Every structure is written in structure tokens, then in C-alpha cells.
Amino acid sequence: MDRLTTLVEKFHLTVHPAMLAEANLIAKAGEDGTPARVVFLARGTCTTSCAGEVLFAAHVDWMGLTNPLMAALPDEVRYDLSGEEDSRALVRLMAEETTANRCGAQSVINRLGEALMVRLLRDQISQGTTDVGLLAGLADPRLSRAIVAMHDFPGRVWSNADLAQEAGLSLSRFAELFAQTVGETPMGYLRRWRLILAHQDITRGDRVDAVARRYAYTSPESFTRAFRKAHGVAPTALRAA
């Protein structure tokens, strides 16, 4: 089961080299000068936490807090690279590309940066978290099966019983554990995920009735009411803009 690919692919990510004061992704060296850790600031830029020898500094734009992964991260994420030779190699390559002034450097940095962010997220999930939210849900081997099913098939007519079966839990235990771990009901999370995707589709120019059907709404009118409540604007107005 892949807990991250759908989330990663649904949200456009860009990584650009940046001055330290404007950076939110910073790779730092250890005493021997080799890559030691990466710091990602989900809701800010570099402060005193960036002290020390910096190998490279970059700014990551991953669609802000509309991206549920970004919203679920703590303000500061520290990724320890000891024992992570592949990630250390990524950091070395990114450092070289930011200073070598080669053709196509920005394209390379963007792709390496995406790989580094995925590894950072894997590390967060594997560590687990006591904070309520999406990462905690993905870290739970039972809940993650239901969450990935929602992510991969948002247009399916899911019920709580269906999702409980995906998780391998009784309906009552699933509903209780999901609310405790993720911080909302399964249907509440599914509704929010659908409307995040719908916002992207409408912005892209898709028809309102087609998007409503895509995400299992019974009518364009019910979809419009839910969309306006979530985003503060009617989908027709957003599409026209």
C-alpha cells in the first residue's frame, strides 16, 4: 500500500534555490562537513534554527495549507540523515546543482527536491506522531488503509462500514479511532478531500455538473452548497474567473 503517491501527485510542488532568510528547506552539515540533517519549515522561513553550516537553502512551494500534507506537518520538521545514505546523496547533488550554474539546473533541483520531500515525509510517518491529524492517521497501519482508499477513489460512494472494512476494524472502533487520531469523522475527512480536489478541477475549467458527478454528489446544487461552504465562493464564480 502506497500512503503518499496520490497525495504527492495531486499537489504541484516547486523547489527553488533561495537566500537563507527566504528559505524553508535547509540542508545542514555535520562537524565533518557532510550532510547531517534537513530542516523543513512548513509555516515560515529560516530563523535561528538554521544556524550552523548550510549546504543549500531552498524555498518549497507545495500549494500551502490547501495541501493536507502541508497542513498536517508541524511548524518545523527535522530529518536526521545519519544512516540515510541515499538521502545524503540527494542533498549532495542538490548542493552541487545550486552552485554549479549548469544548464537545466532548476529542473534538476525541482525533481531532486521532490524526492527529498517524499523521503522527509516517509520519515515523519515512520516515526509516528502524538499530534492529531492526517500524518497520525497515515502512521496507523489500520487507519491508513481507509485513508489511502479515500485518496485513491474519492468518487466511490463510501460508507463508514465500507471504510471500516478497509481498515479491518469494527464500525464502532473504526469511527472512534479515526476521530481520535485524525481529528474528524471519516465522512468529514472524505468530504474535505473531495472538495479540495473539486477546487482544483473547477479552477482548471471543468464543468460544475461533471465535477459534482466525479465526487459522488447527488446533484450540482448539493455540490454547489458544499463547495461554497468549504471555499467561500460558488464553483461557477471560480470557474468564470
Foldseek 3Di string as FASTA:
>chain_A
DDLPPLLLVLWDKFKAFDDQQQFQWWFAADPVRATFKIKGFLPHGDDPVRPHHTLTTIHMDGPHVLRQVSVPDDRMAMGTCVVVVVLSVLSVVLSCLVPVPDPPSRVVNGVSVSVNVVVSLVVLLCVADPDAADSNQCNDQLSSQLVVVCSVQQQDPDDLCNSCVSSVHPSVVNQVVNCNRHVDGPVVVSLSSLLSSLLVVLLVQDDLQVSCNSRHHPGSVVVQVSNCVNPVDGSVVNNVD
